[in-house]
Amino acid sequence: MKPIELKEKGYQILVKELGQVDTIRFLQEIGWGFGDYTKERQLTLKSVTRAEFWRDIEEIRKEKSIIDE
């Protein structure tokens, strides 16, 4: 799924569940973020090893396969 498709689907789900007015209020409340995402991500992931990364990926895949069943 392309990023634009993901955003559109997410927006549709929000509107379906919250209605248009509350969707807008929710999006305003969460805002668009701040700071330098790239620097924060680098600092956060600096201590993560490749083995840990791939272990986490496998765990996510397992959880997803359970949900999809």
N, C-alpha and C. Protein backbone atom coordinates (compact mmCIF):
# COMPACT_ATOMS: atom_id res chain seq x y z
N MET A 1 0.85 -1.17 0.00
CA MET A 1 0.00 0.00 0.00
C MET A 1 0.90 1.24 0.00
N LYS A 2 0.59 2.15 -0.90
CA LYS A 2 1.36 3.40 -0.98
C LYS A 2 0.97 4.31 0.17
N PRO A 3 1.89 5.21 0.57
CA PRO A 3 1.59 6.11 1.69
C PRO A 3 0.29 6.90 1.51
N ILE A 4 0.03 7.36 0.31
CA ILE A 4 -1.19 8.13 0.08
C ILE A 4 -2.43 7.26 0.26
N GLU A 5 -2.32 5.99 -0.16
CA GLU A 5 -3.44 5.06 0.02
C GLU A 5 -3.67 4.77 1.49
N LEU A 6 -2.60 4.63 2.24
CA LEU A 6 -2.70 4.40 3.68
C LEU A 6 -3.38 5.58 4.37
N LYS A 7 -2.97 6.80 4.01
CA LYS A 7 -3.58 7.99 4.60
C LYS A 7 -5.07 8.05 4.28
N GLU A 8 -5.41 7.78 3.03
CA GLU A 8 -6.81 7.82 2.62
C GLU A 8 -7.64 6.78 3.36
N LYS A 9 -7.12 5.58 3.47
CA LYS A 9 -7.84 4.52 4.18
C LYS A 9 -8.00 4.87 5.66
N GLY A 10 -6.93 5.39 6.26
CA GLY A 10 -7.00 5.80 7.66
C GLY A 10 -8.03 6.89 7.86
N TYR A 11 -8.04 7.86 6.97
CA TYR A 11 -9.01 8.95 7.06
C TYR A 11 -10.44 8.40 6.94
N GLN A 12 -10.66 7.50 6.00
CA GLN A 12 -11.99 6.91 5.82
C GLN A 12 -12.45 6.18 7.08
N ILE A 13 -11.54 5.45 7.71
CA ILE A 13 -11.88 4.72 8.93
C ILE A 13 -12.22 5.70 10.05
N LEU A 14 -11.42 6.76 10.17
CA LEU A 14 -11.71 7.76 11.20
C LEU A 14 -13.08 8.39 10.98
N VAL A 15 -13.39 8.77 9.75
CA VAL A 15 -14.68 9.38 9.46
C VAL A 15 -15.81 8.40 9.75
N LYS A 16 -15.62 7.15 9.38
CA LYS A 16 -16.66 6.14 9.63
C LYS A 16 -16.93 5.98 11.12
N GLU A 17 -15.86 5.95 11.91
CA GLU A 17 -16.00 5.69 13.35
C GLU A 17 -16.32 6.94 14.17
N LEU A 18 -15.76 8.09 13.76
CA LEU A 18 -15.90 9.31 14.55
C LEU A 18 -16.85 10.34 13.95
N GLY A 19 -17.08 10.24 12.65
CA GLY A 19 -17.81 11.30 11.96
C GLY A 19 -16.83 12.37 11.51
N GLN A 20 -17.27 13.22 10.59
CA GLN A 20 -16.36 14.21 10.02
C GLN A 20 -15.86 15.23 11.05
N VAL A 21 -16.76 15.75 11.87
CA VAL A 21 -16.37 16.79 12.82
C VAL A 21 -15.37 16.26 13.83
N ASP A 22 -15.65 15.09 14.43
CA ASP A 22 -14.73 14.56 15.42
C ASP A 22 -13.43 14.07 14.79
N THR A 23 -13.45 13.66 13.54
CA THR A 23 -12.21 13.30 12.84
C THR A 23 -11.32 14.52 12.74
N ILE A 24 -11.89 15.64 12.34
CA ILE A 24 -11.11 16.87 12.23
C ILE A 24 -10.58 17.28 13.60
N ARG A 25 -11.42 17.19 14.61
CA ARG A 25 -10.98 17.53 15.97
C ARG A 25 -9.83 16.62 16.41
N PHE A 26 -9.94 15.32 16.11
CA PHE A 26 -8.90 14.36 16.47
C PHE A 26 -7.59 14.71 15.76
N LEU A 27 -7.66 14.96 14.46
CA LEU A 27 -6.45 15.27 13.70
C LEU A 27 -5.81 16.57 14.19
N GLN A 28 -6.62 17.54 14.56
CA GLN A 28 -6.07 18.78 15.12
C GLN A 28 -5.41 18.52 16.46
N GLU A 29 -6.00 17.65 17.25
CA GLU A 29 -5.47 17.35 18.58
C GLU A 29 -4.10 16.66 18.52
N ILE A 30 -3.96 15.70 17.60
CA ILE A 30 -2.69 14.97 17.54
C ILE A 30 -1.61 15.78 16.85
N GLY A 31 -2.01 16.74 16.04
CA GLY A 31 -1.05 17.63 15.39
C GLY A 31 -0.18 16.91 14.38
N TRP A 32 0.80 17.62 13.88
CA TRP A 32 1.68 17.08 12.85
C TRP A 32 3.07 16.78 13.38
N GLY A 33 3.25 16.86 14.68
CA GLY A 33 4.56 16.55 15.25
C GLY A 33 5.48 17.75 15.24
N PHE A 34 6.64 17.55 15.81
CA PHE A 34 7.62 18.61 15.89
C PHE A 34 8.98 17.98 16.10
N GLY A 35 10.01 18.79 16.02
CA GLY A 35 11.35 18.27 16.22
C GLY A 35 11.94 17.69 14.95
N ASP A 36 13.08 17.04 15.11
CA ASP A 36 13.79 16.44 13.99
C ASP A 36 13.63 14.93 14.08
N TYR A 37 12.68 14.40 13.31
CA TYR A 37 12.36 12.98 13.35
C TYR A 37 13.59 12.13 13.05
N THR A 38 14.37 12.54 12.07
CA THR A 38 15.53 11.74 11.66
C THR A 38 16.55 11.62 12.79
N LYS A 39 16.86 12.72 13.44
CA LYS A 39 17.82 12.69 14.55
C LYS A 39 17.27 11.85 15.72
N GLU A 40 15.99 12.05 16.03
CA GLU A 40 15.39 11.29 17.12
C GLU A 40 15.40 9.79 16.82
N ARG A 41 15.11 9.43 15.59
CA ARG A 41 15.10 8.02 15.19
C ARG A 41 16.51 7.44 15.29
N GLN A 42 17.50 8.18 14.82
CA GLN A 42 18.87 7.70 14.89
C GLN A 42 19.30 7.48 16.33
N LEU A 43 18.94 8.39 17.22
CA LEU A 43 19.28 8.22 18.63
C LEU A 43 18.55 7.03 19.24
N THR A 44 17.29 6.88 18.89
CA THR A 44 16.49 5.78 19.43
C THR A 44 17.02 4.43 18.97
N LEU A 45 17.40 4.34 17.71
CA LEU A 45 17.82 3.06 17.13
C LEU A 45 19.32 2.80 17.24
N LYS A 46 20.05 3.76 17.77
CA LYS A 46 21.51 3.63 17.84
C LYS A 46 21.95 2.36 18.57
N SER A 47 21.23 2.00 19.62
CA SER A 47 21.65 0.85 20.42
C SER A 47 21.02 -0.47 19.95
N VAL A 48 20.19 -0.42 18.92
CA VAL A 48 19.53 -1.64 18.43
C VAL A 48 20.46 -2.38 17.48
N THR A 49 20.70 -3.65 17.77
CA THR A 49 21.55 -4.45 16.88
C THR A 49 20.72 -5.00 15.72
N ARG A 50 21.38 -5.46 14.70
CA ARG A 50 20.66 -6.07 13.58
C ARG A 50 19.89 -7.30 14.03
N ALA A 51 20.50 -8.07 14.91
CA ALA A 51 19.82 -9.27 15.42
C ALA A 51 18.53 -8.89 16.14
N GLU A 52 18.57 -7.85 16.96
CA GLU A 52 17.38 -7.39 17.66
C GLU A 52 16.33 -6.88 16.68
N PHE A 53 16.79 -6.14 15.68
CA PHE A 53 15.89 -5.62 14.66
C PHE A 53 15.15 -6.76 13.97
N TRP A 54 15.88 -7.76 13.50
CA TRP A 54 15.25 -8.86 12.77
C TRP A 54 14.38 -9.72 13.69
N ARG A 55 14.75 -9.84 14.94
CA ARG A 55 13.93 -10.56 15.91
C ARG A 55 12.58 -9.83 16.08
N ASP A 56 12.64 -8.51 16.16
CA ASP A 56 11.41 -7.73 16.27
C ASP A 56 10.54 -7.86 15.02
N ILE A 57 11.18 -7.87 13.86
CA ILE A 57 10.44 -8.03 12.61
C ILE A 57 9.73 -9.39 12.59
N GLU A 58 10.42 -10.43 12.97
CA GLU A 58 9.82 -11.76 13.02
C GLU A 58 8.64 -11.80 14.00
N GLU A 59 8.79 -11.15 15.13
CA GLU A 59 7.70 -11.10 16.12
C GLU A 59 6.48 -10.38 15.55
N ILE A 60 6.71 -9.29 14.86
CA ILE A 60 5.60 -8.56 14.23
C ILE A 60 4.93 -9.44 13.18
N ARG A 61 5.71 -10.14 12.39
CA ARG A 61 5.14 -11.04 11.37
C ARG A 61 4.31 -12.14 12.01
N LYS A 62 4.79 -12.70 13.11
CA LYS A 62 4.04 -13.74 13.80
C LYS A 62 2.72 -13.19 14.31
N GLU A 63 2.76 -12.01 14.92
CA GLU A 63 1.54 -11.41 15.44
C GLU A 63 0.56 -11.12 14.30
N LYS A 64 1.08 -10.63 13.18
CA LYS A 64 0.22 -10.34 12.03
C LYS A 64 -0.40 -11.60 11.48
N SER A 65 0.35 -12.68 11.43
CA SER A 65 -0.20 -13.94 10.89
C SER A 65 -1.28 -14.49 11.81
N ILE A 66 -1.15 -14.27 13.11
CA ILE A 66 -2.19 -14.70 14.05
C ILE A 66 -3.46 -13.89 13.84
N ILE A 67 -3.31 -12.59 13.65
CA ILE A 67 -4.46 -11.71 13.43
C ILE A 67 -5.16 -12.04 12.11
N ASP A 68 -4.38 -12.34 11.07
CA ASP A 68 -4.93 -12.61 9.74
C ASP A 68 -5.66 -13.95 9.66
N GLU A 69 -5.41 -14.85 10.61
CA GLU A 69 -6.01 -16.18 10.54
C GLU A 69 -7.47 -16.15 10.88
